[in-house]
Amino acid sequence: MKILLINPMNRGYYYRLGAVYPPLGLAYISAALKREGHNVRIVDMNVERFDYVNFDYMEYDLVGISTDTPRFPLARNIAQKVKEKGITVVLGGPHASAEVSDILKKGIADYVILGEGERAFPKLVEALENGERHPEIPGLAYLVGDTLKEYPKKFIENLDEIPFPDREGLNMTRYRNKFDGKPATSIITSRGCPFNCEFCSASQFMGFLWRKRSVPNVMAEVKLLVKKYGYGSLIFFDDNFTLDPKRVIEISEEILKNDLKISWWAFSRADELLEHEDMVEAMTKAGCKMLFIGFESASDTVLEEYNKKLRSSIAFDVVKLLKKYRIDVFASFILGALSDTRETIEKTIRFAKKLAKLGASIVQFSILTPYPGTRLFEKLRRVLITRDYEKYDGTHLVFKHPNFSPQELKSLFKKAYYYVYTTPKLLFKRGLPFLWKLLRIPDTTSIIEPQIESSEKLK
């Protein structure tokens, strides 16, 4: 079967500020399909021109589209154009899994893949080739008449069974990222997250059970990226790379044993680092230069609301530990918790600036956003201000907040960036152009009523 896989463009504010990496989710799907003998093309609209309105979809038997929440409006428009040509449409990604009923009942797609697609997608293609329109496949959903058929997803336990992402199907030269002065690309070595933070969909989308690839399997891909593709830096995009310290140490030792001389960064949790200094030492020896850590707030009440299972005071100890081993910190904070007040947000901003002075060279703020598929979305469903999902980008207040109007929170959001990045250390390192880009944040007032009164505190 001839299949087109589309990665819609991400127009979000943070995405425009940051680097663009290959869509590994679609690349994994492509690899699984090609292993079964199918003809697959991947289109990544972030790095190539693609006229989805006038494109000739008739040369394909099926079109798959990946979508998270901010990209859903574009994904929906693409799907509409494909369906106008009578071509089967399959939607996947976090937003598709979360809003499956609405997507199918509105006729946006013919099928939705729930969660991982490396097994469900090839099985669906096989069924369609055999003329079976309603196969009973785990992780697949569709309509039969007006009845929703949704077959529970089964997570892949042995991730080593999955072929490496189909990077040959992507024009890797279009991704011109650098980290530590070297060409950089991304890799994923585990899936799932046991922590279930209220604002995050990772646990729902990829499961509470953390599943890991074996060290030999990971190293085979690392060596491929370094020796075949010539990358000198890697970004481990696992939701939590450091959950298994022993495994991290083994990977670090293998990087050294193979004399790969790479730089890399990953996502981590503060408590995992403090409790395993031997892991931190091994990582820095193997080329780890930075870790992304979600500190979220200076208020322990807010952290409890987020279900972070951490206390704010841990942040300073973590930054000091990483500074000792010359590992930089990418510190992330979320403003606008239901328990947040002006005082707690200003405390968080001052807290972030102290971390920047101590050693965090990148500080990111975002506005609390209830993404479909999260527990937060279910809590706030009745007080959403807008369902314009392009605004679900971390820079807009999209629900009726008990303590802030959209304008008030946006003002504090901008203040946070200005206050932290005018620190001489960060201003010198990042420069005025970077600060100017940060402060050119789109306004919210064009999509939300001019004045919204605070509601009573939500329970």
Protein backbone atom coordinates (compact mmCIF):
# COMPACT_ATOMS: atom_id res chain seq x y z
CA MET A 1 0.00 0.00 0.00
CA LYS A 2 1.15 3.54 -0.74
CA ILE A 3 0.98 5.68 2.38
CA LEU A 4 1.56 9.38 3.07
CA LEU A 5 2.42 10.45 6.63
CA ILE A 6 2.08 14.16 7.44
CA ASN A 7 3.54 16.13 10.33
CA PRO A 8 1.60 19.44 10.44
CA MET A 9 3.53 22.64 11.04
CA ASN A 10 3.83 23.79 14.64
CA ARG A 11 3.07 27.52 14.78
CA GLY A 12 3.36 27.80 18.56
CA TYR A 13 5.36 30.55 20.19
CA TYR A 14 7.86 28.30 21.93
CA TYR A 15 8.31 26.15 18.87
CA ARG A 16 9.19 29.24 16.83
CA LEU A 17 11.78 30.19 19.43
CA GLY A 18 13.35 26.78 19.65
CA ALA A 19 14.95 24.23 17.42
CA VAL A 20 13.09 21.94 15.02
CA TYR A 21 13.76 18.23 15.37
CA PRO A 22 12.68 15.26 13.22
CA PRO A 23 9.17 13.90 13.93
CA LEU A 24 10.32 10.65 15.48
CA GLY A 25 6.78 9.45 16.11
CA LEU A 26 5.99 9.37 12.39
CA ALA A 27 9.47 8.06 11.62
CA TYR A 28 8.80 5.09 13.91
CA ILE A 29 5.49 4.45 12.15
CA SER A 30 7.17 4.68 8.77
CA ALA A 31 9.83 2.17 9.80
CA ALA A 32 7.18 -0.27 11.02
CA LEU A 33 5.23 0.07 7.76
CA LYS A 34 8.28 -0.29 5.55
CA ARG A 35 9.23 -3.44 7.42
CA GLU A 36 5.93 -4.87 6.17
CA GLY A 37 6.77 -3.89 2.59
CA HIS A 38 4.69 -0.72 2.24
CA ASN A 39 5.66 2.36 0.23
CA VAL A 40 5.82 5.31 2.65
CA ARG A 41 6.50 9.01 2.28
CA ILE A 42 6.88 11.37 5.27
CA VAL A 43 6.12 15.08 4.91
CA ASP A 44 7.31 17.33 7.74
CA MET A 45 5.70 20.72 7.21
CA ASN A 46 8.09 22.28 9.71
CA VAL A 47 11.01 21.99 7.28
CA GLU A 48 9.48 21.65 3.80
CA ARG A 49 6.90 23.43 1.72
CA PHE A 50 3.72 21.42 1.39
CA ASP A 51 0.61 22.84 -0.26
CA TYR A 52 -1.91 20.65 1.51
CA VAL A 53 -4.84 22.38 -0.20
CA ASN A 54 -3.80 21.57 -3.78
CA PHE A 55 -1.70 18.46 -3.23
CA ASP A 56 -2.62 15.40 -5.32
CA TYR A 57 -3.61 12.88 -2.64
CA MET A 58 -5.05 10.52 -5.25
CA GLU A 59 -1.70 8.79 -5.72
CA TYR A 60 -1.90 7.46 -2.14
CA ASP A 61 -4.09 4.75 -0.66
CA LEU A 62 -4.03 6.14 2.86
CA VAL A 63 -2.92 9.33 4.65
CA GLY A 64 -1.81 9.37 8.29
CA ILE A 65 -1.63 12.65 10.22
CA SER A 66 0.01 13.19 13.61
CA THR A 67 -1.34 15.86 15.93
CA ASP A 68 -0.97 17.33 19.37
CA THR A 69 -3.39 19.98 20.65
CA PRO A 70 -1.93 23.24 19.21
CA ARG A 71 -1.57 21.64 15.76
CA PHE A 72 -5.02 20.08 15.69
CA PRO A 73 -6.75 22.90 13.74
CA LEU A 74 -4.23 22.47 10.91
CA ALA A 75 -4.40 18.67 11.12
CA ARG A 76 -8.19 18.90 10.84
CA ASN A 77 -7.93 21.11 7.75
CA ILE A 78 -5.49 18.72 6.10
CA ALA A 79 -7.73 15.75 6.90
CA GLN A 80 -10.68 17.55 5.33
CA LYS A 81 -8.80 18.07 2.06
CA VAL A 82 -7.73 14.43 1.99
CA LYS A 83 -11.23 13.13 2.65
CA GLU A 84 -12.62 15.36 -0.12
CA LYS A 85 -10.58 13.15 -2.48
CA GLY A 86 -12.06 9.99 -1.01
CA ILE A 87 -8.77 8.86 0.55
CA THR A 88 -8.76 7.09 3.93
CA VAL A 89 -7.52 9.28 6.79
CA VAL A 90 -5.89 8.01 9.98
CA LEU A 91 -5.22 10.42 12.86
CA GLY A 92 -2.75 9.76 15.67
CA GLY A 93 -0.93 11.60 18.42
CA PRO A 94 -1.85 12.83 21.92
CA HIS A 95 -4.77 15.02 20.85
CA ALA A 96 -6.30 12.36 18.62
CA SER A 97 -6.18 9.83 21.46
CA ALA A 98 -7.76 12.30 23.89
CA GLU A 99 -10.56 13.54 21.59
CA VAL A 100 -11.21 10.33 19.68
CA SER A 101 -15.02 10.37 19.95
CA ASP A 102 -15.36 13.97 18.78
CA ILE A 103 -12.92 13.47 15.90
CA LEU A 104 -14.70 10.41 14.56
CA LYS A 105 -18.26 11.65 15.05
CA LYS A 106 -17.46 14.89 13.24
CA GLY A 107 -16.05 12.90 10.33
CA ILE A 108 -12.58 14.40 10.63
CA ALA A 109 -10.89 11.01 10.26
CA ASP A 110 -11.85 7.45 9.32
CA TYR A 111 -9.67 5.88 12.00
CA VAL A 112 -7.83 7.03 15.12
CA ILE A 113 -4.74 5.32 16.52
CA LEU A 114 -4.79 5.34 20.33
CA GLY A 115 -1.34 5.77 21.87
CA GLU A 116 1.55 3.95 20.18
CA GLY A 117 1.08 3.14 16.52
CA GLU A 118 3.93 0.81 15.58
CA ARG A 119 1.68 -2.25 15.91
CA ALA A 120 -1.82 -0.87 15.34
CA PHE A 121 -1.04 1.07 12.15
CA PRO A 122 0.51 -1.83 10.16
CA LYS A 123 -2.29 -4.14 11.32
CA LEU A 124 -4.87 -1.61 10.13
CA VAL A 125 -3.16 -1.35 6.74
CA GLU A 126 -3.11 -5.13 6.43
CA ALA A 127 -6.81 -5.32 7.25
CA LEU A 128 -7.68 -2.63 4.70
CA GLU A 129 -5.68 -4.46 2.03
CA ASN A 130 -7.78 -7.53 2.78
CA GLY A 131 -10.98 -5.55 2.42
CA GLU A 132 -11.74 -5.51 6.15
CA ARG A 133 -13.06 -2.06 7.14
CA HIS A 134 -13.80 -2.81 10.79
CA PRO A 135 -10.92 -4.84 12.22
CA GLU A 136 -10.72 -5.50 15.95
CA ILE A 137 -7.22 -4.19 16.59
CA PRO A 138 -5.95 -3.05 20.02
CA GLY A 139 -5.30 0.69 19.92
CA LEU A 140 -7.72 1.40 17.06
CA ALA A 141 -10.98 3.37 17.03
CA TYR A 142 -13.58 4.04 14.31
CA LEU A 143 -17.32 4.37 13.76
CA VAL A 144 -19.71 1.66 12.64
CA GLY A 145 -22.76 3.68 11.69
CA ASP A 146 -23.15 6.01 14.67
CA THR A 147 -21.55 3.59 17.12
CA LEU A 148 -18.04 4.25 18.36
CA LYS A 149 -15.83 1.17 18.30
CA GLU A 150 -12.79 1.69 20.49
CA TYR A 151 -10.38 -1.17 21.17
CA PRO A 152 -8.19 -0.56 24.25
CA LYS A 153 -4.55 0.10 23.48
CA LYS A 154 -1.87 -2.34 24.52
CA PHE A 155 1.51 -0.80 25.18
CA ILE A 156 4.57 -2.39 23.63
CA GLU A 157 6.47 -4.03 26.46
CA ASN A 158 9.68 -4.84 24.61
CA LEU A 159 10.71 -1.62 22.89
CA ASP A 160 13.72 -3.38 21.34
CA GLU A 161 11.26 -5.03 18.93
CA ILE A 162 10.56 -1.69 17.26
CA PRO A 163 12.80 -0.78 14.31
CA PHE A 164 14.80 2.44 14.59
CA PRO A 165 13.02 5.55 13.28
CA ASP A 166 13.02 5.87 9.49
CA ARG A 167 15.47 8.74 9.22
CA GLU A 168 16.16 7.73 5.61
CA GLY A 169 12.57 8.78 4.91
CA LEU A 170 13.35 12.27 6.21
CA ASN A 171 15.70 14.76 4.64
CA MET A 172 17.95 15.04 7.69
CA THR A 173 19.92 17.90 6.17
CA ARG A 174 16.90 20.15 6.72
CA TYR A 175 17.27 19.87 10.49
CA ARG A 176 20.12 22.24 11.27
CA ASN A 177 20.13 22.17 15.05
CA LYS A 178 23.25 22.64 17.12
CA PHE A 179 24.01 21.98 20.76
CA ASP A 180 27.34 22.75 22.37
CA GLY A 181 28.49 23.96 18.96
CA LYS A 182 27.91 20.59 17.29
CA PRO A 183 25.20 19.28 14.92
CA ALA A 184 22.42 17.87 17.08
CA THR A 185 19.50 15.50 16.69
CA SER A 186 17.01 13.66 18.90
CA ILE A 187 16.59 10.11 20.19
CA ILE A 188 14.03 8.38 22.43
CA THR A 189 15.13 5.51 24.67
CA SER A 190 12.09 4.94 26.91
CA ARG A 191 8.34 5.50 27.07
CA GLY A 192 5.77 6.09 29.79
CA CYS A 193 5.78 8.07 33.03
CA PRO A 194 4.64 6.94 36.50
CA PHE A 195 4.26 10.41 38.01
CA ASN A 196 0.97 11.55 36.43
CA CYS A 197 1.38 15.31 36.93
CA GLU A 198 -2.00 16.99 36.63
CA PHE A 199 -1.09 19.18 33.65
CA CYS A 200 0.74 16.52 31.61
CA SER A 201 -0.68 13.88 29.25
CA ALA A 202 2.44 11.68 29.11
CA SER A 203 1.12 9.13 31.61
CA GLN A 204 -2.21 8.84 29.79
CA PHE A 205 -0.77 8.76 26.28
CA MET A 206 2.22 6.48 26.87
CA GLY A 207 1.15 4.77 30.09
CA PHE A 208 2.09 4.83 33.76
CA LEU A 209 4.49 1.93 33.32
CA TRP A 210 7.94 3.19 32.36
CA ARG A 211 9.31 1.00 29.60
CA LYS A 212 12.94 1.13 28.56
CA ARG A 213 15.02 0.01 25.62
CA SER A 214 18.00 -2.15 26.49
CA VAL A 215 21.40 -0.49 26.71
CA PRO A 216 22.79 -2.41 23.67
CA ASN A 217 19.74 -1.35 21.62
CA VAL A 218 20.15 2.29 22.66
CA MET A 219 23.86 2.26 21.92
CA ALA A 220 23.31 0.77 18.47
CA GLU A 221 21.18 3.80 17.57
CA VAL A 222 23.56 6.26 19.24
CA LYS A 223 26.47 4.88 17.20
CA LEU A 224 24.36 5.04 14.05
CA LEU A 225 23.61 8.73 14.65
CA VAL A 226 27.22 9.57 15.41
CA LYS A 227 29.05 7.44 12.84
CA LYS A 228 26.61 7.33 9.92
CA TYR A 229 24.90 10.71 10.22
CA GLY A 230 27.79 12.62 11.79
CA TYR A 231 26.00 14.10 14.79
CA GLY A 232 28.17 15.38 17.63
CA SER A 233 25.29 16.15 19.99
CA LEU A 234 22.19 14.22 21.02
CA ILE A 235 18.99 15.20 22.80
CA PHE A 236 17.32 12.41 24.73
CA PHE A 237 13.63 13.22 24.38
CA ASP A 238 12.43 10.64 26.92
CA ASP A 239 9.87 12.10 29.33
CA ASN A 240 12.23 11.05 32.12
CA PHE A 241 15.64 9.83 31.02
CA THR A 242 17.06 9.42 34.56
CA LEU A 243 14.32 7.26 36.10
CA ASP A 244 16.65 4.23 36.19
CA PRO A 245 20.04 5.49 37.46
CA LYS A 246 21.78 2.15 36.89
CA ARG A 247 20.75 2.19 33.23
CA VAL A 248 21.91 5.80 32.81
CA ILE A 249 25.29 4.89 34.27
CA GLU A 250 25.55 1.91 31.88
CA ILE A 251 24.71 4.11 28.88
CA SER A 252 27.27 6.68 30.03
CA GLU A 253 29.93 4.00 30.42
CA GLU A 254 29.18 2.67 26.94
CA ILE A 255 29.50 6.15 25.43
CA LEU A 256 32.95 6.42 27.00
CA LYS A 257 33.94 2.85 26.10
CA ASN A 258 33.10 3.53 22.45
CA ASP A 259 35.01 6.84 22.53
CA LEU A 260 32.04 8.68 20.95
CA LYS A 261 32.97 12.16 22.27
CA ILE A 262 29.43 13.52 22.10
CA SER A 263 27.63 16.26 23.98
CA TRP A 264 24.06 15.65 25.09
CA TRP A 265 21.15 16.78 27.22
CA ALA A 266 18.03 15.10 28.58
CA PHE A 267 14.87 15.52 30.65
CA SER A 268 15.07 14.67 34.35
CA ARG A 269 13.49 15.10 37.80
CA ALA A 270 15.13 16.93 40.68
CA ASP A 271 14.78 14.15 43.27
CA GLU A 272 16.33 11.53 40.98
CA LEU A 273 19.48 13.63 40.69
CA LEU A 274 19.96 14.44 44.37
CA GLU A 275 19.56 10.81 45.35
CA HIS A 276 22.09 9.54 42.78
CA GLU A 277 25.20 11.70 42.61
CA ASP A 278 27.10 8.75 41.13
CA MET A 279 24.75 8.91 38.15
CA VAL A 280 25.37 12.65 37.76
CA GLU A 281 29.12 12.06 37.82
CA ALA A 282 28.85 9.32 35.19
CA MET A 283 26.70 11.52 32.95
CA THR A 284 29.10 14.45 32.97
CA LYS A 285 32.03 12.18 32.12
CA ALA A 286 30.03 10.87 29.14
CA GLY A 287 29.31 14.33 27.76
CA CYS A 288 26.08 15.45 29.45
CA LYS A 289 26.06 19.24 29.28
CA MET A 290 22.51 20.13 30.30
CA LEU A 291 19.37 18.75 31.96
CA PHE A 292 15.82 20.00 31.58
CA ILE A 293 14.08 20.05 34.98
CA GLY A 294 10.50 21.08 35.68
CA PHE A 295 10.67 23.00 38.96
CA GLU A 296 7.24 24.52 38.13
CA SER A 297 6.77 26.81 41.16
CA ALA A 298 8.26 28.26 44.34
CA SER A 299 5.03 27.42 46.17
CA ASP A 300 4.72 23.98 47.76
CA THR A 301 0.94 24.41 47.68
CA VAL A 302 1.09 24.78 43.91
CA LEU A 303 3.38 21.75 43.60
CA GLU A 304 0.86 19.70 45.55
CA GLU A 305 -1.88 20.92 43.20
CA TYR A 306 0.22 19.81 40.22
CA ASN A 307 0.88 16.41 41.89
CA LYS A 308 4.63 16.93 41.45
CA LYS A 309 5.49 14.96 44.61
CA LEU A 310 8.35 17.39 45.29
CA ARG A 311 9.06 20.41 47.47
CA SER A 312 10.33 23.66 46.00
CA SER A 313 13.41 23.88 48.23
CA ILE A 314 14.99 20.96 46.38
CA ALA A 315 15.71 23.22 43.39
CA PHE A 316 18.70 25.02 44.87
CA ASP A 317 20.38 21.80 45.98
CA VAL A 318 19.92 20.32 42.51
CA VAL A 319 21.37 23.34 40.70
CA LYS A 320 24.35 23.35 43.09
CA LEU A 321 24.93 19.63 42.49
CA LEU A 322 24.80 20.01 38.71
CA LYS A 323 27.04 23.07 38.83
CA LYS A 324 29.58 20.96 40.74
CA TYR A 325 29.66 18.57 37.78
CA ARG A 326 29.52 21.33 35.14
CA ILE A 327 26.05 20.36 33.92
CA ASP A 328 23.87 23.26 32.87
CA VAL A 329 20.24 23.59 33.93
CA PHE A 330 17.20 24.27 31.75
CA ALA A 331 14.70 25.30 34.43
CA SER A 332 11.00 25.25 33.63
CA PHE A 333 8.14 26.95 35.51
CA ILE A 334 4.36 27.02 35.06
CA LEU A 335 2.40 30.13 36.05
CA GLY A 336 -1.32 30.23 36.74
CA ALA A 337 -2.11 27.29 39.02
CA LEU A 338 -5.58 27.50 40.50
CA SER A 339 -3.98 28.22 43.89
CA ASP A 340 -1.62 30.82 42.43
CA THR A 341 -1.96 34.42 43.51
CA ARG A 342 0.01 37.47 42.45
CA GLU A 343 2.20 36.93 45.50
CA THR A 344 2.97 33.28 44.73
CA ILE A 345 3.74 34.04 41.08
CA GLU A 346 6.04 36.91 41.99
CA LYS A 347 7.71 34.58 44.49
CA THR A 348 8.22 32.04 41.69
CA ILE A 349 9.71 34.73 39.43
CA ARG A 350 12.17 35.79 42.13
CA PHE A 351 12.91 32.11 42.77
CA ALA A 352 13.69 31.56 39.08
CA LYS A 353 16.03 34.54 39.02
CA LYS A 354 17.93 33.16 42.01
CA LEU A 355 18.33 29.85 40.18
CA ALA A 356 19.60 31.73 37.12
CA LYS A 357 22.21 33.50 39.23
CA LEU A 358 23.16 30.18 40.80
CA GLY A 359 23.63 28.34 37.52
CA ALA A 360 20.50 27.84 35.40
CA SER A 361 21.33 29.36 32.02
CA ILE A 362 17.90 28.76 30.46
CA VAL A 363 14.68 29.59 32.28
CA GLN A 364 11.33 28.87 30.67
CA PHE A 365 7.92 30.06 31.80
CA SER A 366 4.58 28.90 30.51
CA ILE A 367 0.97 29.57 31.40
CA LEU A 368 -0.93 26.61 32.82
CA THR A 369 -2.80 25.00 29.93
CA PRO A 370 -5.43 22.24 30.25
CA TYR A 371 -4.55 19.91 27.38
CA PRO A 372 -7.18 17.33 26.40
CA GLY A 373 -6.20 13.99 27.89
CA THR A 374 -4.98 15.46 31.18
CA ARG A 375 -6.69 15.40 34.55
CA LEU A 376 -6.49 19.20 34.48
CA PHE A 377 -8.62 19.33 31.33
CA GLU A 378 -11.38 17.31 32.98
CA LYS A 379 -11.27 19.59 36.02
CA LEU A 380 -11.54 22.76 33.94
CA ARG A 381 -13.76 21.58 31.10
CA ARG A 382 -16.73 23.64 32.35
CA VAL A 383 -14.74 26.90 32.61
CA LEU A 384 -12.81 26.87 29.33
CA ILE A 385 -12.82 30.27 27.65
CA THR A 386 -11.92 29.03 24.19
CA ARG A 387 -11.66 25.82 22.19
CA ASP A 388 -9.38 27.48 19.64
CA TYR A 389 -6.67 24.90 20.13
CA GLU A 390 -3.98 27.00 18.46
CA LYS A 391 -4.10 29.07 21.65
CA TYR A 392 -3.20 26.02 23.74
CA ASP A 393 0.48 26.81 23.37
CA GLY A 394 1.52 27.70 26.91
CA THR A 395 1.31 31.46 26.36
CA HIS A 396 -2.46 31.99 26.65
CA LEU A 397 -4.86 31.66 29.54
CA VAL A 398 -7.63 29.52 28.05
CA PHE A 399 -9.81 28.97 31.11
CA LYS A 400 -11.62 31.21 33.57
CA HIS A 401 -9.10 31.60 36.38
CA PRO A 402 -10.22 32.17 39.99
CA ASN A 403 -7.62 34.88 40.59
CA PHE A 404 -6.53 36.37 37.25
CA SER A 405 -7.93 37.81 34.06
CA PRO A 406 -6.10 36.78 30.88
CA GLN A 407 -4.54 40.23 30.68
CA GLU A 408 -3.26 40.11 34.26
CA LEU A 409 -1.65 36.71 33.84
CA LYS A 410 -0.11 37.65 30.51
CA SER A 411 1.41 40.72 32.13
CA LEU A 412 2.99 38.60 34.86
CA PHE A 413 4.16 36.13 32.21
CA LYS A 414 6.03 38.86 30.32
CA LYS A 415 7.33 40.33 33.56
CA ALA A 416 8.81 36.94 34.45
CA TYR A 417 10.89 36.79 31.29
CA TYR A 418 12.00 40.40 31.51
CA TYR A 419 12.96 40.12 35.18
CA VAL A 420 14.96 36.90 34.76
CA TYR A 421 16.65 37.63 31.42
CA THR A 422 17.84 41.09 32.40
CA THR A 423 20.09 39.30 34.88
CA PRO A 424 23.56 40.36 33.62
CA LYS A 425 24.70 36.73 33.36
CA LEU A 426 21.79 35.66 31.13
CA LEU A 427 21.66 38.91 29.18
CA PHE A 428 25.34 38.53 28.31
CA LYS A 429 24.94 34.84 27.44
CA ARG A 430 21.68 35.07 25.45
CA GLY A 431 21.90 38.64 24.17
CA LEU A 432 19.35 41.40 23.59
CA PRO A 433 17.93 39.82 20.38
CA PHE A 434 16.96 36.72 22.35
CA LEU A 435 15.27 38.83 25.03
CA TRP A 436 13.43 40.78 22.34
CA LYS A 437 12.10 37.55 20.80
CA LEU A 438 10.96 36.35 24.21
CA LEU A 439 9.00 39.51 24.89
CA ARG A 440 7.28 39.52 21.49
CA ILE A 441 4.62 37.23 22.89
CA PRO A 442 1.24 37.26 21.09
CA ASP A 443 -1.54 39.01 22.99
CA THR A 444 -4.59 37.12 24.22
CA THR A 445 -7.15 39.86 24.04
CA SER A 446 -8.09 39.17 20.42
CA ILE A 447 -9.47 35.74 21.28
CA ILE A 448 -10.94 36.32 24.72
CA GLU A 449 -13.61 38.69 25.98
CA PRO A 450 -12.15 42.08 27.02
CA GLN A 451 -13.03 41.58 30.68
CA ILE A 452 -13.64 38.34 32.55
CA GLU A 453 -14.48 38.43 36.21
CA SER A 454 -12.72 36.00 38.53
CA SER A 455 -14.78 32.96 39.39
CA GLU A 456 -15.01 31.48 42.84
CA LYS A 457 -12.19 29.08 43.64
CA LEU A 458 -12.56 25.84 41.75
CA LYS A 459 -12.76 22.62 43.66
